[in-house]
Amino acid sequence: MLQTSNYSLVLSLQFLLLSYDLFVNSFSELLRAAPVIQLVLFIIQDIAVLFNIIIIFLMFFNTFVFQAGLVNLLFHKFKGTIILTAVYFALSISLHVWVMNLRWKNSNRFVWTDGLQTLFVFQRLAAVLYCYFYKRTAVRLGDPRFYQDSLWLRKKFMQVQRERSTDPSTGGAPSPGSVCTAH
């Protein structure tokens, strides 16, 4: 179970990484004249997003729901955040590579192609959604229901078992790794 002090520390780290992401998205264009500094900021930003992805998955693995074998329930509940984070990560890397390729040799010139501008808008739009959904997921994962046995979890477990037993494709047999063997 995730202890309150550990959860506070993890949540603070996540918010710190999100704040850095927001900072770089807001002010990186001001460093256009210093491409090396901008490159370092972009690399750290991408690593911060990657760390946030790792932290969310570690929080998933730490839940009782995951340990009970209801991985699909967790991923179904948070699939929007997972997909959006992956899309945002891909858009960020694409934008950073494109910006650095266009501006590396001539950083004093103001270069904005139509494609770069479109990618910039989509990346910034995805950044807003990423911050909102990521924060919501991080806070929701602090719910004690995810870290202890409960009636809600037992009902979900029984519902999954019923669905598996009536599914003709499995022949009533559970799929490998889907049933909890430890209580």
Protein backbone atom coordinates (compact mmCIF):
# COMPACT_ATOMS: atom_id res chain seq x y z
CA MET A 1 0.00 0.00 0.00
CA LEU A 2 1.21 3.50 -0.80
CA GLN A 3 1.78 5.30 2.50
CA THR A 4 0.54 8.87 2.89
CA SER A 5 4.04 10.29 3.25
CA ASN A 6 5.25 8.35 0.20
CA TYR A 7 2.20 9.41 -1.80
CA SER A 8 2.82 13.06 -0.91
CA LEU A 9 6.43 12.75 -2.01
CA VAL A 10 5.50 11.01 -5.28
CA LEU A 11 2.73 13.53 -5.98
CA SER A 12 5.11 16.42 -5.29
CA LEU A 13 7.66 14.93 -7.69
CA GLN A 14 4.99 14.51 -10.37
CA PHE A 15 3.82 18.10 -9.96
CA LEU A 16 7.42 19.33 -10.04
CA LEU A 17 7.98 17.50 -13.34
CA LEU A 18 4.71 18.90 -14.71
CA SER A 19 5.74 22.40 -13.63
CA TYR A 20 9.05 22.05 -15.44
CA ASP A 21 7.18 20.90 -18.55
CA LEU A 22 4.92 23.95 -18.33
CA PHE A 23 7.94 26.22 -17.80
CA VAL A 24 9.75 24.90 -20.89
CA ASN A 25 6.60 25.10 -23.01
CA SER A 26 6.09 28.69 -21.89
CA PHE A 27 9.59 30.11 -22.14
CA SER A 28 11.68 27.99 -24.51
CA GLU A 29 11.06 30.35 -27.43
CA LEU A 30 12.79 33.13 -25.51
CA LEU A 31 16.01 31.11 -25.72
CA ARG A 32 15.94 30.88 -29.50
CA ALA A 33 19.29 32.70 -29.70
CA ALA A 34 20.97 30.03 -27.53
CA PRO A 35 20.28 26.72 -29.30
CA VAL A 36 22.48 24.63 -26.98
CA ILE A 37 20.57 25.78 -23.90
CA GLN A 38 17.29 25.24 -25.72
CA LEU A 39 18.39 21.72 -26.69
CA VAL A 40 19.28 20.88 -23.09
CA LEU A 41 15.91 22.20 -21.88
CA PHE A 42 14.11 20.12 -24.51
CA ILE A 43 16.02 16.97 -23.57
CA ILE A 44 15.26 17.47 -19.87
CA GLN A 45 11.61 18.15 -20.72
CA ASP A 46 11.32 14.90 -22.67
CA ILE A 47 13.03 13.00 -19.87
CA ALA A 48 10.62 14.59 -17.36
CA VAL A 49 7.62 13.38 -19.38
CA LEU A 50 9.21 9.93 -19.58
CA PHE A 51 9.74 9.94 -15.80
CA ASN A 52 6.08 10.89 -15.32
CA ILE A 53 5.06 7.92 -17.47
CA ILE A 54 7.28 5.61 -15.41
CA ILE A 55 5.92 7.00 -12.13
CA ILE A 56 2.29 6.48 -13.20
CA PHE A 57 3.00 2.87 -14.16
CA LEU A 58 4.83 2.29 -10.87
CA MET A 59 1.79 3.66 -9.08
CA PHE A 60 -0.39 1.26 -11.10
CA PHE A 61 1.82 -1.68 -10.13
CA ASN A 62 1.59 -0.68 -6.48
CA THR A 63 -2.22 -0.84 -6.36
CA PHE A 64 -4.14 -3.74 -4.87
CA VAL A 65 -6.26 -3.74 -8.03
CA PHE A 66 -3.17 -4.55 -10.12
CA GLN A 67 -1.95 -7.15 -7.64
CA ALA A 68 -5.40 -8.78 -7.66
CA GLY A 69 -5.01 -9.34 -11.40
CA LEU A 70 -7.43 -6.68 -12.60
CA VAL A 71 -4.90 -4.98 -14.84
CA ASN A 72 -7.52 -4.38 -17.55
CA LEU A 73 -9.69 -2.53 -15.05
CA LEU A 74 -6.86 -0.13 -14.25
CA PHE A 75 -5.93 0.42 -17.87
CA HIS A 76 -9.58 0.86 -18.85
CA LYS A 77 -10.08 3.41 -16.08
CA PHE A 78 -6.97 5.39 -17.03
CA LYS A 79 -6.55 4.64 -20.74
CA GLY A 80 -7.30 8.23 -21.73
CA THR A 81 -4.37 9.48 -19.69
CA ILE A 82 -2.07 6.74 -20.94
CA ILE A 83 -2.90 7.39 -24.60
CA LEU A 84 -2.79 11.17 -24.22
CA THR A 85 0.57 11.02 -22.46
CA ALA A 86 2.02 8.87 -25.24
CA VAL A 87 0.64 11.24 -27.91
CA TYR A 88 1.98 14.27 -26.06
CA PHE A 89 5.39 12.64 -25.67
CA ALA A 90 5.53 11.87 -29.41
CA LEU A 91 4.37 15.38 -30.35
CA SER A 92 6.93 16.96 -28.01
CA ILE A 93 9.83 14.96 -29.40
CA SER A 94 8.69 15.70 -32.97
CA LEU A 95 8.44 19.42 -32.25
CA HIS A 96 11.80 19.54 -30.51
CA VAL A 97 13.58 17.73 -33.32
CA TRP A 98 11.97 19.92 -35.97
CA VAL A 99 12.69 23.18 -34.12
CA MET A 100 16.31 22.25 -33.47
CA ASN A 101 16.84 21.17 -37.09
CA LEU A 102 15.47 24.45 -38.45
CA ARG A 103 17.21 26.77 -36.01
CA TRP A 104 20.49 25.10 -35.12
CA LYS A 105 22.72 26.80 -37.69
CA ASN A 106 20.89 30.12 -37.90
CA SER A 107 19.34 30.79 -34.51
CA ASN A 108 18.88 34.53 -35.12
CA ARG A 109 16.45 33.97 -37.97
CA PHE A 110 12.78 33.65 -37.10
CA VAL A 111 11.75 30.40 -38.85
CA TRP A 112 8.15 29.20 -38.73
CA THR A 113 7.05 26.92 -41.54
CA ASP A 114 3.38 26.01 -41.89
CA GLY A 115 4.06 22.46 -40.76
CA LEU A 116 6.05 23.61 -37.73
CA GLN A 117 3.32 26.02 -36.75
CA THR A 118 0.68 23.28 -37.02
CA LEU A 119 2.79 20.88 -34.96
CA PHE A 120 3.42 23.63 -32.40
CA VAL A 121 -0.31 24.27 -31.97
CA PHE A 122 -1.13 20.56 -31.62
CA GLN A 123 1.74 20.02 -29.18
CA ARG A 124 0.63 22.95 -27.00
CA LEU A 125 -2.99 21.79 -27.11
CA ALA A 126 -1.90 18.29 -26.14
CA ALA A 127 0.21 19.83 -23.34
CA VAL A 128 -2.85 21.42 -21.75
CA LEU A 129 -4.81 18.16 -21.94
CA TYR A 130 -1.80 16.17 -20.72
CA CYS A 131 -1.37 18.37 -17.65
CA TYR A 132 -5.06 18.19 -16.78
CA PHE A 133 -5.50 14.43 -17.26
CA TYR A 134 -2.15 13.55 -15.73
CA LYS A 135 -2.87 15.59 -12.59
CA ARG A 136 -6.34 14.07 -12.35
CA THR A 137 -4.93 10.55 -12.66
CA ALA A 138 -2.18 11.21 -10.12
CA VAL A 139 -4.72 12.47 -7.60
CA ARG A 140 -7.21 9.67 -8.35
CA LEU A 141 -4.51 7.07 -7.76
CA GLY A 142 -4.34 8.34 -4.19
CA ASP A 143 -7.80 6.88 -3.55
CA PRO A 144 -7.55 4.22 -0.81
CA ARG A 145 -9.95 1.97 -2.79
CA PHE A 146 -7.08 1.13 -5.12
CA TYR A 147 -4.79 0.00 -2.29
CA GLN A 148 -6.96 -2.27 -0.17
CA ASP A 149 -9.43 -5.07 -0.53
CA SER A 150 -12.96 -3.69 -0.71
CA LEU A 151 -16.49 -4.59 -1.70
CA TRP A 152 -16.09 -2.50 -4.87
CA LEU A 153 -13.01 -4.50 -5.87
CA ARG A 154 -14.65 -7.84 -5.09
CA LYS A 155 -17.66 -6.91 -7.24
CA LYS A 156 -15.37 -5.96 -10.13
CA PHE A 157 -13.40 -9.18 -9.70
CA MET A 158 -16.59 -11.29 -9.73
CA GLN A 159 -17.88 -9.38 -12.76
CA VAL A 160 -14.66 -10.13 -14.65
CA GLN A 161 -14.84 -13.79 -13.62
CA ARG A 162 -18.45 -14.04 -14.87
CA GLU A 163 -17.53 -12.42 -18.18
CA ARG A 164 -14.64 -14.83 -18.64
CA SER A 165 -16.71 -17.89 -17.80
CA THR A 166 -19.38 -16.94 -20.35
CA ASP A 167 -16.94 -15.88 -23.07
CA PRO A 168 -17.04 -18.59 -25.78
CA SER A 169 -13.58 -17.66 -27.10
CA THR A 170 -11.92 -18.73 -23.84
CA GLY A 171 -14.07 -21.80 -23.36
CA GLY A 172 -14.63 -20.76 -19.78
CA ALA A 173 -10.93 -20.93 -19.00
CA PRO A 174 -9.22 -17.84 -17.63
CA SER A 175 -6.49 -16.30 -19.69
CA PRO A 176 -2.90 -16.69 -18.41
CA GLY A 177 -1.95 -14.10 -15.81
CA SER A 178 -5.50 -12.89 -15.36
CA VAL A 179 -6.45 -14.58 -12.11
CA CYS A 180 -5.05 -13.68 -8.75
CA THR A 181 -3.48 -16.65 -6.99
CA ALA A 182 -2.33 -14.77 -3.89
CA HIS A 183 -4.76 -13.38 -1.35
